[in-house]
């Protein structure tokens, strides 16, 4: 009877850890989705603004200048966003694993 109670206790603990991990994953995915949405909106708006400037350019030199400015800005924004997204994914993994960390540590002792 003791092993049934132990198995029940372990099952309950694993369920609790799983629910905490799921909650952390949900929160992390919401943050990633929000960040991706904000980046997409900002990128679209900057692209439209660059196109409008490009359409208003009176010379080839001005058009090349506008295009160069836009590409430089878009690249810098992309690198910054990629770094930020990488950090969000790393945080998601850490937070999702955290509930199981103590369980695995105590199981290996």
PDB file of N, CA and C in Angstrom:
ATOM      1  N   UNK A   1       0.825  -1.186   0.000  1.00  0.00           N
ATOM      2  CA  UNK A   1       0.000   0.000   0.000  1.00  0.00           C
ATOM      3  C   UNK A   1       0.876   1.259   0.000  1.00  0.00           C
ATOM      4  N   UNK A   2       2.040   1.167   0.603  1.00  0.00           N
ATOM      5  CA  UNK A   2       2.938   2.317   0.674  1.00  0.00           C
ATOM      6  C   UNK A   2       3.399   2.723  -0.724  1.00  0.00           C
ATOM      7  N   UNK A   3       3.707   1.759  -1.596  1.00  0.00           N
ATOM      8  CA  UNK A   3       4.194   2.113  -2.934  1.00  0.00           C
ATOM      9  C   UNK A   3       3.081   2.775  -3.757  1.00  0.00           C
ATOM     10  N   UNK A   4       1.836   2.405  -3.543  1.00  0.00           N
ATOM     11  CA  UNK A   4       0.727   3.069  -4.240  1.00  0.00           C
ATOM     12  C   UNK A   4       0.640   4.528  -3.821  1.00  0.00           C
ATOM     13  N   UNK A   5       0.800   4.795  -2.537  1.00  0.00           N
ATOM     14  CA  UNK A   5       0.765   6.179  -2.044  1.00  0.00           C
ATOM     15  C   UNK A   5       1.951   6.973  -2.589  1.00  0.00           C
ATOM     16  N   UNK A   6       3.111   6.328  -2.651  1.00  0.00           N
ATOM     17  CA  UNK A   6       4.286   7.001  -3.214  1.00  0.00           C
ATOM     18  C   UNK A   6       4.085   7.311  -4.695  1.00  0.00           C
ATOM     19  N   UNK A   7       3.543   6.360  -5.436  1.00  0.00           N
ATOM     20  CA  UNK A   7       3.296   6.566  -6.856  1.00  0.00           C
ATOM     21  C   UNK A   7       2.263   7.673  -7.056  1.00  0.00           C
ATOM     22  N   UNK A   8       1.254   7.703  -6.221  1.00  0.00           N
ATOM     23  CA  UNK A   8       0.231   8.740  -6.292  1.00  0.00           C
ATOM     24  C   UNK A   8       0.845  10.116  -6.025  1.00  0.00           C
ATOM     25  N   UNK A   9       1.729  10.183  -5.024  1.00  0.00           N
ATOM     26  CA  UNK A   9       2.384  11.442  -4.674  1.00  0.00           C
ATOM     27  C   UNK A   9       3.272  11.918  -5.826  1.00  0.00           C
ATOM     28  N   UNK A  10       4.046  11.009  -6.408  1.00  0.00           N
ATOM     29  CA  UNK A  10       4.917  11.360  -7.527  1.00  0.00           C
ATOM     30  C   UNK A  10       4.089  11.817  -8.722  1.00  0.00           C
ATOM     31  N   UNK A  11       2.996  11.124  -8.999  1.00  0.00           N
ATOM     32  CA  UNK A  11       2.119  11.511 -10.098  1.00  0.00           C
ATOM     33  C   UNK A  11       1.537  12.894  -9.906  1.00  0.00           C
ATOM     34  N   UNK A  12       1.130  13.190  -8.667  1.00  0.00           N
ATOM     35  CA  UNK A  12       0.576  14.511  -8.364  1.00  0.00           C
ATOM     36  C   UNK A  12       1.645  15.597  -8.538  1.00  0.00           C
ATOM     37  N   UNK A  13       2.851  15.323  -8.056  1.00  0.00           N
ATOM     38  CA  UNK A  13       3.938  16.296  -8.184  1.00  0.00           C
ATOM     39  C   UNK A  13       4.268  16.553  -9.657  1.00  0.00           C
ATOM     40  N   UNK A  14       4.319  15.497 -10.451  1.00  0.00           N
ATOM     41  CA  UNK A  14       4.622  15.668 -11.873  1.00  0.00           C
ATOM     42  C   UNK A  14       3.511  16.458 -12.576  1.00  0.00           C
ATOM     43  N   UNK A  15       2.277  16.226 -12.191  1.00  0.00           N
ATOM     44  CA  UNK A  15       1.168  16.986 -12.773  1.00  0.00           C
ATOM     45  C   UNK A  15       1.287  18.462 -12.396  1.00  0.00           C
ATOM     46  N   UNK A  16       1.622  18.734 -11.147  1.00  0.00           N
ATOM     47  CA  UNK A  16       1.813  20.121 -10.719  1.00  0.00           C
ATOM     48  C   UNK A  16       2.944  20.792 -11.501  1.00  0.00           C
ATOM     49  N   UNK A  17       4.049  20.073 -11.648  1.00  0.00           N
ATOM     50  CA  UNK A  17       5.179  20.613 -12.412  1.00  0.00           C
ATOM     51  C   UNK A  17       4.786  20.836 -13.873  1.00  0.00           C
ATOM     52  N   UNK A  18       4.037  19.914 -14.426  1.00  0.00           N
ATOM     53  CA  UNK A  18       3.608  20.047 -15.830  1.00  0.00           C
ATOM     54  C   UNK A  18       2.708  21.264 -16.015  1.00  0.00           C
ATOM     55  N   UNK A  19       1.798  21.480 -15.082  1.00  0.00           N
ATOM     56  CA  UNK A  19       0.900  22.635 -15.172  1.00  0.00           C
ATOM     57  C   UNK A  19       1.667  23.944 -15.036  1.00  0.00           C
ATOM     58  N   UNK A  20       2.640  23.980 -14.128  1.00  0.00           N
ATOM     59  CA  UNK A  20       3.461  25.185 -13.982  1.00  0.00           C
ATOM     60  C   UNK A  20       4.277  25.436 -15.252  1.00  0.00           C
ATOM     61  N   UNK A  21       4.813  24.362 -15.819  1.00  0.00           N
ATOM     62  CA  UNK A  21       5.589  24.488 -17.045  1.00  0.00           C
ATOM     63  C   UNK A  21       4.701  24.980 -18.193  1.00  0.00           C
ATOM     64  N   UNK A  22       3.505  24.444 -18.288  1.00  0.00           N
ATOM     65  CA  UNK A  22       2.567  24.870 -19.331  1.00  0.00           C
ATOM     66  C   UNK A  22       2.222  26.344 -19.177  1.00  0.00           C
ATOM     67  N   UNK A  23       2.020  26.788 -17.948  1.00  0.00           N
ATOM     68  CA  UNK A  23       1.704  28.199 -17.707  1.00  0.00           C
ATOM     69  C   UNK A  23       2.878  29.087 -18.132  1.00  0.00           C
ATOM     70  N   UNK A  24       4.100  28.659 -17.813  1.00  0.00           N
ATOM     71  CA  UNK A  24       5.283  29.426 -18.205  1.00  0.00           C
ATOM     72  C   UNK A  24       5.414  29.466 -19.731  1.00  0.00           C
ATOM     73  N   UNK A  25       5.124  28.341 -20.383  1.00  0.00           N
ATOM     74  CA  UNK A  25       5.196  28.305 -21.839  1.00  0.00           C
ATOM     75  C   UNK A  25       4.147  29.225 -22.458  1.00  0.00           C
ATOM     76  N   UNK A  26       2.959  29.220 -21.919  1.00  0.00           N
ATOM     77  CA  UNK A  26       1.892  30.081 -22.437  1.00  0.00           C
ATOM     78  C   UNK A  26       2.280  31.551 -22.329  1.00  0.00           C
ATOM     79  N   UNK A  27       2.823  31.912 -21.183  1.00  0.00           N
ATOM     80  CA  UNK A  27       3.245  33.294 -20.968  1.00  0.00           C
ATOM     81  C   UNK A  27       4.372  33.667 -21.935  1.00  0.00           C
ATOM     82  N   UNK A  28       5.332  32.774 -22.114  1.00  0.00           N
ATOM     83  CA  UNK A  28       6.449  33.035 -23.018  1.00  0.00           C
ATOM     84  C   UNK A  28       6.001  33.141 -24.462  1.00  0.00           C
ATOM     85  N   UNK A  29       5.099  32.279 -24.879  1.00  0.00           N
ATOM     86  CA  UNK A  29       4.609  32.313 -26.254  1.00  0.00           C
ATOM     87  C   UNK A  29       3.812  33.594 -26.507  1.00  0.00           C
ATOM     88  N   UNK A  30       3.072  34.041 -25.507  1.00  0.00           N
ATOM     89  CA  UNK A  30       2.350  35.312 -25.655  1.00  0.00           C
ATOM     90  C   UNK A  30       3.331  36.467 -25.841  1.00  0.00           C
ATOM     91  N   UNK A  31       4.420  36.471 -25.081  1.00  0.00           N
ATOM     92  CA  UNK A  31       5.418  37.534 -25.209  1.00  0.00           C
ATOM     93  C   UNK A  31       6.070  37.493 -26.596  1.00  0.00           C
ATOM     94  N   UNK A  32       6.376  36.296 -27.084  1.00  0.00           N
ATOM     95  CA  UNK A  32       6.990  36.152 -28.406  1.00  0.00           C
ATOM     96  C   UNK A  32       6.026  36.612 -29.496  1.00  0.00           C
ATOM     97  N   UNK A  33       4.776  36.219 -29.377  1.00  0.00           N
ATOM     98  CA  UNK A  33       3.775  36.607 -30.363  1.00  0.00           C
ATOM     99  C   UNK A  33       3.573  38.118 -30.384  1.00  0.00           C
ATOM    100  N   UNK A  34       3.513  38.713 -29.217  1.00  0.00           N
ATOM    101  CA  UNK A  34       3.350  40.160 -29.121  1.00  0.00           C
ATOM    102  C   UNK A  34       4.535  40.884 -29.763  1.00  0.00           C
ATOM    103  N   UNK A  35       5.736  40.411 -29.471  1.00  0.00           N
ATOM    104  CA  UNK A  35       6.940  41.021 -30.031  1.00  0.00           C
ATOM    105  C   UNK A  35       6.973  40.877 -31.549  1.00  0.00           C
ATOM    106  N   UNK A  36       6.615  39.700 -32.056  1.00  0.00           N
ATOM    107  CA  UNK A  36       6.602  39.478 -33.502  1.00  0.00           C
ATOM    108  C   UNK A  36       5.559  40.367 -34.185  1.00  0.00           C
ATOM    109  N   UNK A  37       4.420  40.523 -33.554  1.00  0.00           N
ATOM    110  CA  UNK A  37       3.367  41.378 -34.116  1.00  0.00           C
ATOM    111  C   UNK A  37       3.819  42.832 -34.166  1.00  0.00           C
ATOM    112  N   UNK A  38       4.418  43.294 -33.079  1.00  0.00           N
ATOM    113  CA  UNK A  38       4.902  44.677 -33.043  1.00  0.00           C
ATOM    114  C   UNK A  38       5.974  44.915 -34.105  1.00  0.00           C
ATOM    115  N   UNK A  39       6.891  43.961 -34.241  1.00  0.00           N
ATOM    116  CA  UNK A  39       7.954  44.094 -35.241  1.00  0.00           C
ATOM    117  C   UNK A  39       7.369  44.113 -36.658  1.00  0.00           C
ATOM    118  N   UNK A  40       6.434  43.233 -36.920  1.00  0.00           N
ATOM    119  CA  UNK A  40       5.825  43.176 -38.255  1.00  0.00           C
ATOM    120  C   UNK A  40       5.119  44.484 -38.597  1.00  0.00           C
ATOM    121  N   UNK A  41       4.374  45.014 -37.642  1.00  0.00           N
ATOM    122  CA  UNK A  41       3.658  46.278 -37.864  1.00  0.00           C
ATOM    123  C   UNK A  41       4.646  47.414 -38.128  1.00  0.00           C
ATOM    124  N   UNK A  42       5.688  47.489 -37.294  1.00  0.00           N
ATOM    125  CA  UNK A  42       6.686  48.550 -37.445  1.00  0.00           C
ATOM    126  C   UNK A  42       7.418  48.407 -38.781  1.00  0.00           C
ATOM    127  N   UNK A  43       7.775  47.199 -39.140  1.00  0.00           N
ATOM    128  CA  UNK A  43       8.474  46.946 -40.395  1.00  0.00           C
ATOM    129  C   UNK A  43       7.613  47.334 -41.593  1.00  0.00           C
ATOM    130  N   UNK A  44       6.352  46.986 -41.548  1.00  0.00           N
ATOM    131  CA  UNK A  44       5.423  47.338 -42.627  1.00  0.00           C
ATOM    132  C   UNK A  44       5.312  48.855 -42.766  1.00  0.00           C
ATOM    133  N   UNK A  45       5.149  49.540 -41.643  1.00  0.00           N
ATOM    134  CA  UNK A  45       5.007  50.993 -41.677  1.00  0.00           C
ATOM    135  C   UNK A  45       6.271  51.658 -42.215  1.00  0.00           C
ATOM    136  N   UNK A  46       7.440  51.159 -41.813  1.00  0.00           N
ATOM    137  CA  UNK A  46       8.694  51.721 -42.314  1.00  0.00           C
ATOM    138  C   UNK A  46       8.864  51.448 -43.811  1.00  0.00           C
ATOM    139  N   UNK A  47       8.422  50.287 -44.258  1.00  0.00           N
ATOM    140  CA  UNK A  47       8.491  49.965 -45.680  1.00  0.00           C
ATOM    141  C   UNK A  47       7.601  50.878 -46.517  1.00  0.00           C
ATOM    142  N   UNK A  48       6.409  51.132 -46.014  1.00  0.00           N
ATOM    143  CA  UNK A  48       5.491  52.038 -46.715  1.00  0.00           C
ATOM    144  C   UNK A  48       6.077  53.450 -46.776  1.00  0.00           C
ATOM    145  N   UNK A  49       6.635  53.909 -45.668  1.00  0.00           N
ATOM    146  CA  UNK A  49       7.236  55.252 -45.640  1.00  0.00           C
ATOM    147  C   UNK A  49       8.405  55.332 -46.627  1.00  0.00           C
ATOM    148  N   UNK A  50       9.223  54.298 -46.678  1.00  0.00           N
ATOM    149  CA  UNK A  50      10.353  54.293 -47.612  1.00  0.00           C
ATOM    150  C   UNK A  50       9.863  54.289 -49.063  1.00  0.00           C
ATOM    151  N   UNK A  51       8.809  53.520 -49.323  1.00  0.00           N
ATOM    152  CA  UNK A  51       8.264  53.499 -50.682  1.00  0.00           C
ATOM    153  C   UNK A  51       7.733  54.870 -51.085  1.00  0.00           C
ATOM    154  N   UNK A  52       7.067  55.547 -50.162  1.00  0.00           N
ATOM    155  CA  UNK A  52       6.550  56.884 -50.456  1.00  0.00           C
ATOM    156  C   UNK A  52       7.687  57.861 -50.749  1.00  0.00           C
ATOM    157  N   UNK A  53       8.774  57.771 -49.962  1.00  0.00           N
ATOM    158  CA  UNK A  53       9.932  58.631 -50.223  1.00  0.00           C
ATOM    159  C   UNK A  53      10.551  58.295 -51.580  1.00  0.00           C
ATOM    160  N   UNK A  54      10.621  56.999 -51.867  1.00  0.00           N
ATOM    161  CA  UNK A  54      11.197  56.554 -53.137  1.00  0.00           C
ATOM    162  C   UNK A  54      10.359  57.044 -54.317  1.00  0.00           C
ATOM    163  N   UNK A  55       9.060  56.987 -54.182  1.00  0.00           N
ATOM    164  CA  UNK A  55       8.167  57.446 -55.251  1.00  0.00           C
ATOM    165  C   UNK A  55       8.264  58.954 -55.457  1.00  0.00           C
ATOM    166  N   UNK A  56       8.601  59.693 -54.394  1.00  0.00           N
ATOM    167  CA  UNK A  56       8.698  61.145 -54.485  1.00  0.00           C
ATOM    168  C   UNK A  56      10.082  61.621 -54.924  1.00  0.00           C
ATOM    169  N   UNK A  57      11.031  60.686 -55.039  1.00  0.00           N
ATOM    170  CA  UNK A  57      12.393  61.066 -55.418  1.00  0.00           C
ATOM    171  C   UNK A  57      12.401  61.657 -56.830  1.00  0.00           C
ATOM    172  N   UNK A  58      13.117  62.765 -56.995  1.00  0.00           N
ATOM    173  CA  UNK A  58      13.160  63.467 -58.281  1.00  0.00           C
ATOM    174  C   UNK A  58      14.349  63.042 -59.150  1.00  0.00           C
ATOM    175  N   UNK A  59      15.309  62.362 -58.518  1.00  0.00           N
ATOM    176  CA  UNK A  59      16.485  61.954 -59.298  1.00  0.00           C
ATOM    177  C   UNK A  59      16.898  60.542 -58.903  1.00  0.00           C
ATOM    178  N   UNK A  60      17.738  59.972 -59.734  1.00  0.00           N
ATOM    179  CA  UNK A  60      18.248  58.630 -59.460  1.00  0.00           C
ATOM    180  C   UNK A  60      19.112  58.622 -58.204  1.00  0.00           C
ATOM    181  N   UNK A  61      19.909  59.667 -58.031  1.00  0.00           N
ATOM    182  CA  UNK A  61      20.762  59.751 -56.841  1.00  0.00           C
ATOM    183  C   UNK A  61      19.925  59.773 -55.562  1.00  0.00           C
ATOM    184  N   UNK A  62      18.846  60.543 -55.578  1.00  0.00           N
ATOM    185  CA  UNK A  62      17.969  60.620 -54.408  1.00  0.00           C
ATOM    186  C   UNK A  62      17.291  59.271 -54.168  1.00  0.00           C
ATOM    187  N   UNK A  63      16.885  58.590 -55.227  1.00  0.00           N
ATOM    188  CA  UNK A  63      16.245  57.279 -55.093  1.00  0.00           C
ATOM    189  C   UNK A  63      17.222  56.265 -54.497  1.00  0.00           C
ATOM    190  N   UNK A  64      18.444  56.283 -54.936  1.00  0.00           N
ATOM    191  CA  UNK A  64      19.466  55.368 -54.393  1.00  0.00           C
ATOM    192  C   UNK A  64      19.726  55.694 -52.923  1.00  0.00           C
ATOM    193  N   UNK A  65      19.763  56.964 -52.600  1.00  0.00           N
ATOM    194  CA  UNK A  65      19.979  57.385 -51.212  1.00  0.00           C
ATOM    195  C   UNK A  65      18.843  56.893 -50.312  1.00  0.00           C
ATOM    196  N   UNK A  66      17.618  57.065 -50.761  1.00  0.00           N
ATOM    197  CA  UNK A  66      16.444  56.614 -49.986  1.00  0.00           C
ATOM    198  C   UNK A  66      16.498  55.101 -49.793  1.00  0.00           C
ATOM    199  N   UNK A  67      16.783  54.385 -50.878  1.00  0.00           N
ATOM    200  CA  UNK A  67      16.845  52.926 -50.800  1.00  0.00           C
ATOM    201  C   UNK A  67      17.960  52.472 -49.870  1.00  0.00           C
ATOM    202  N   UNK A  68      19.103  53.119 -49.925  1.00  0.00           N
ATOM    203  CA  UNK A  68      20.236  52.764 -49.066  1.00  0.00           C
ATOM    204  C   UNK A  68      19.903  53.005 -47.600  1.00  0.00           C
ATOM    205  N   UNK A  69      19.290  54.145 -47.313  1.00  0.00           N
ATOM    206  CA  UNK A  69      18.870  54.450 -45.936  1.00  0.00           C
ATOM    207  C   UNK A  69      17.897  53.399 -45.414  1.00  0.00           C
ATOM    208  N   UNK A  70      16.933  53.052 -46.243  1.00  0.00           N
ATOM    209  CA  UNK A  70      15.934  52.074 -45.829  1.00  0.00           C
ATOM    210  C   UNK A  70      16.567  50.713 -45.570  1.00  0.00           C
ATOM    211  N   UNK A  71      17.429  50.262 -46.445  1.00  0.00           N
ATOM    212  CA  UNK A  71      18.057  48.945 -46.281  1.00  0.00           C
ATOM    213  C   UNK A  71      18.929  48.905 -45.020  1.00  0.00           C
ATOM    214  N   UNK A  72      19.665  49.972 -44.790  1.00  0.00           N
ATOM    215  CA  UNK A  72      20.502  50.029 -43.593  1.00  0.00           C
ATOM    216  C   UNK A  72      19.639  49.976 -42.333  1.00  0.00           C
ATOM    217  N   UNK A  73      18.588  50.769 -42.312  1.00  0.00           N
ATOM    218  CA  UNK A  73      17.681  50.795 -41.164  1.00  0.00           C
ATOM    219  C   UNK A  73      16.989  49.447 -40.972  1.00  0.00           C
ATOM    220  N   UNK A  74      16.522  48.854 -42.077  1.00  0.00           N
ATOM    221  CA  UNK A  74      15.828  47.567 -42.000  1.00  0.00           C
ATOM    222  C   UNK A  74      16.764  46.478 -41.478  1.00  0.00           C
ATOM    223  N   UNK A  75      18.011  46.494 -41.914  1.00  0.00           N
ATOM    224  CA  UNK A  75      18.981  45.498 -41.456  1.00  0.00           C
ATOM    225  C   UNK A  75      19.254  45.646 -39.965  1.00  0.00           C
ATOM    226  N   UNK A  76      19.496  46.877 -39.520  1.00  0.00           N
ATOM    227  CA  UNK A  76      19.773  47.121 -38.099  1.00  0.00           C
ATOM    228  C   UNK A  76      18.584  46.722 -37.228  1.00  0.00           C
ATOM    229  N   UNK A  77      17.385  47.045 -37.686  1.00  0.00           N
ATOM    230  CA  UNK A  77      16.178  46.685 -36.948  1.00  0.00           C
ATOM    231  C   UNK A  77      16.013  45.170 -36.885  1.00  0.00           C
ATOM    232  N   UNK A  78      16.290  44.506 -38.010  1.00  0.00           N
ATOM    233  CA  UNK A  78      16.181  43.043 -38.047  1.00  0.00           C
ATOM    234  C   UNK A  78      17.163  42.385 -37.083  1.00  0.00           C
ATOM    235  N   UNK A  79      18.406  42.828 -37.081  1.00  0.00           N
ATOM    236  CA  UNK A  79      19.409  42.241 -36.185  1.00  0.00           C
ATOM    237  C   UNK A  79      19.009  42.452 -34.730  1.00  0.00           C
ATOM    238  N   UNK A  80      18.533  43.639 -34.417  1.00  0.00           N
ATOM    239  CA  UNK A  80      18.079  43.926 -33.057  1.00  0.00           C
ATOM    240  C   UNK A  80      16.904  43.036 -32.667  1.00  0.00           C
ATOM    241  N   UNK A  81      15.961  42.892 -33.581  1.00  0.00           N
ATOM    242  CA  UNK A  81      14.774  42.073 -33.310  1.00  0.00           C
ATOM    243  C   UNK A  81      15.142  40.598 -33.188  1.00  0.00           C
ATOM    244  N   UNK A  82      16.046  40.125 -34.019  1.00  0.00           N
ATOM    245  CA  UNK A  82      16.480  38.725 -33.944  1.00  0.00           C
ATOM    246  C   UNK A  82      17.144  38.438 -32.609  1.00  0.00           C
ATOM    247  N   UNK A  83      17.934  39.374 -32.127  1.00  0.00           N
ATOM    248  CA  UNK A  83      18.574  39.215 -30.811  1.00  0.00           C
ATOM    249  C   UNK A  83      17.523  39.164 -29.713  1.00  0.00           C
ATOM    250  N   UNK A  84      16.570  40.077 -29.786  1.00  0.00           N
ATOM    251  CA  UNK A  84      15.500  40.132 -28.791  1.00  0.00           C
ATOM    252  C   UNK A  84      14.672  38.842 -28.804  1.00  0.00           C
ATOM    253  N   UNK A  85      14.349  38.347 -29.997  1.00  0.00           N
ATOM    254  CA  UNK A  85      13.564  37.111 -30.105  1.00  0.00           C
ATOM    255  C   UNK A  85      14.358  35.921 -29.567  1.00  0.00           C
ATOM    256  N   UNK A  86      15.645  35.897 -29.835  1.00  0.00           N
ATOM    257  CA  UNK A  86      16.485  34.830 -29.301  1.00  0.00           C
ATOM    258  C   UNK A  86      16.471  34.809 -27.778  1.00  0.00           C
ATOM    259  N   UNK A  87      16.521  35.987 -27.189  1.00  0.00           N
ATOM    260  CA  UNK A  87      16.455  36.089 -25.727  1.00  0.00           C
ATOM    261  C   UNK A  87      15.096  35.625 -25.206  1.00  0.00           C
ATOM    262  N   UNK A  88      14.036  35.980 -25.907  1.00  0.00           N
ATOM    263  CA  UNK A  88      12.700  35.551 -25.483  1.00  0.00           C
ATOM    264  C   UNK A  88      12.563  34.033 -25.548  1.00  0.00           C
ATOM    265  N   UNK A  89      13.098  33.417 -26.597  1.00  0.00           N
ATOM    266  CA  UNK A  89      13.043  31.954 -26.706  1.00  0.00           C
ATOM    267  C   UNK A  89      13.885  31.286 -25.623  1.00  0.00           C
ATOM    268  N   UNK A  90      15.049  31.856 -25.319  1.00  0.00           N
ATOM    269  CA  UNK A  90      15.892  31.300 -24.254  1.00  0.00           C
ATOM    270  C   UNK A  90      15.183  31.414 -22.905  1.00  0.00           C
ATOM    271  N   UNK A  91      14.556  32.548 -22.649  1.00  0.00           N
ATOM    272  CA  UNK A  91      13.803  32.726 -21.404  1.00  0.00           C
ATOM    273  C   UNK A  91      12.635  31.741 -21.327  1.00  0.00           C
ATOM    274  N   UNK A  92      11.976  31.519 -22.453  1.00  0.00           N
ATOM    275  CA  UNK A  92      10.873  30.555 -22.498  1.00  0.00           C
ATOM    276  C   UNK A  92      11.359  29.168 -22.103  1.00  0.00           C
ATOM    277  N   UNK A  93      12.476  28.750 -22.657  1.00  0.00           N
ATOM    278  CA  UNK A  93      13.014  27.422 -22.338  1.00  0.00           C
ATOM    279  C   UNK A  93      13.388  27.313 -20.860  1.00  0.00           C
ATOM    280  N   UNK A  94      14.016  28.345 -20.332  1.00  0.00           N
ATOM    281  CA  UNK A  94      14.408  28.335 -18.915  1.00  0.00           C
ATOM    282  C   UNK A  94      13.198  28.261 -17.997  1.00  0.00           C
ATOM    283  N   UNK A  95      12.187  29.077 -18.295  1.00  0.00           N
ATOM    284  CA  UNK A  95      10.994  29.113 -17.449  1.00  0.00           C
ATOM    285  C   UNK A  95      10.174  27.825 -17.557  1.00  0.00           C
ATOM    286  N   UNK A  96      10.129  27.227 -18.732  1.00  0.00           N
ATOM    287  CA  UNK A  96       9.376  25.982 -18.900  1.00  0.00           C
ATOM    288  C   UNK A  96      10.069  24.826 -18.195  1.00  0.00           C
ATOM    289  N   UNK A  97      11.388  24.863 -18.107  1.00  0.00           N
ATOM    290  CA  UNK A  97      12.155  23.790 -17.457  1.00  0.00           C
ATOM    291  C   UNK A  97      12.208  23.958 -15.937  1.00  0.00           C
ATOM    292  N   UNK A  98      12.102  25.182 -15.480  1.00  0.00           N
ATOM    293  CA  UNK A  98      12.278  25.480 -14.053  1.00  0.00           C
ATOM    294  C   UNK A  98      11.428  24.602 -13.115  1.00  0.00           C
ATOM    295  N   UNK A  99      10.144  24.342 -13.382  1.00  0.00           N
ATOM    296  CA  UNK A  99       9.364  23.512 -12.460  1.00  0.00           C
ATOM    297  C   UNK A  99       9.908  22.086 -12.321  1.00  0.00           C
ATOM    298  N   UNK A 100      10.547  21.584 -13.365  1.00  0.00           N
ATOM    299  CA  UNK A 100      11.071  20.223 -13.318  1.00  0.00           C
ATOM    300  C   UNK A 100      12.484  20.146 -12.738  1.00  0.00           C
ATOM    301  N   UNK A 101      13.134  21.269 -12.637  1.00  0.00           N
ATOM    302  CA  UNK A 101      14.527  21.310 -12.187  1.00  0.00           C
ATOM    303  C   UNK A 101      14.708  20.659 -10.814  1.00  0.00           C
ATOM    304  N   UNK A 102      13.890  21.061  -9.873  1.00  0.00           N
ATOM    305  CA  UNK A 102      14.017  20.495  -8.516  1.00  0.00           C
ATOM    306  C   UNK A 102      13.607  19.029  -8.484  1.00  0.00           C
ATOM    307  N   UNK A 103      12.615  18.653  -9.281  1.00  0.00           N
ATOM    308  CA  UNK A 103      12.178  17.268  -9.302  1.00  0.00           C
ATOM    309  C   UNK A 103      13.287  16.373  -9.841  1.00  0.00           C
ATOM    310  N   UNK A 104      13.945  16.788 -10.908  1.00  0.00           N
ATOM    311  CA  UNK A 104      15.018  15.995 -11.485  1.00  0.00           C
ATOM    312  C   UNK A 104      16.240  15.961 -10.561  1.00  0.00           C
ATOM    313  N   UNK A 105      16.495  17.068  -9.888  1.00  0.00           N
ATOM    314  CA  UNK A 105      17.619  17.113  -8.958  1.00  0.00           C
ATOM    315  C   UNK A 105      17.400  16.145  -7.793  1.00  0.00           C
ATOM    316  N   UNK A 106      16.191  16.119  -7.255  1.00  0.00           N
ATOM    317  CA  UNK A 106      15.922  15.228  -6.136  1.00  0.00           C
ATOM    318  C   UNK A 106      15.850  13.769  -6.584  1.00  0.00           C
ATOM    319  N   UNK A 107      15.464  13.504  -7.818  1.00  0.00           N
ATOM    320  CA  UNK A 107      15.380  12.138  -8.331  1.00  0.00           C
ATOM    321  C   UNK A 107      16.757  11.536  -8.580  1.00  0.00           C
ATOM    322  N   UNK A 108      17.743  12.374  -8.875  1.00  0.00           N
ATOM    323  CA  UNK A 108      19.086  11.871  -9.169  1.00  0.00           C
ATOM    324  C   UNK A 108      19.952  11.717  -7.935  1.00  0.00           C
ATOM    325  N   UNK A 109      19.444  12.140  -6.794  1.00  0.00           N
ATOM    326  CA  UNK A 109      20.247  12.017  -5.550  1.00  0.00           C
ATOM    327  C   UNK A 109      20.202  10.614  -5.032  1.00  0.00           C
TER     328      UNK A 109
END
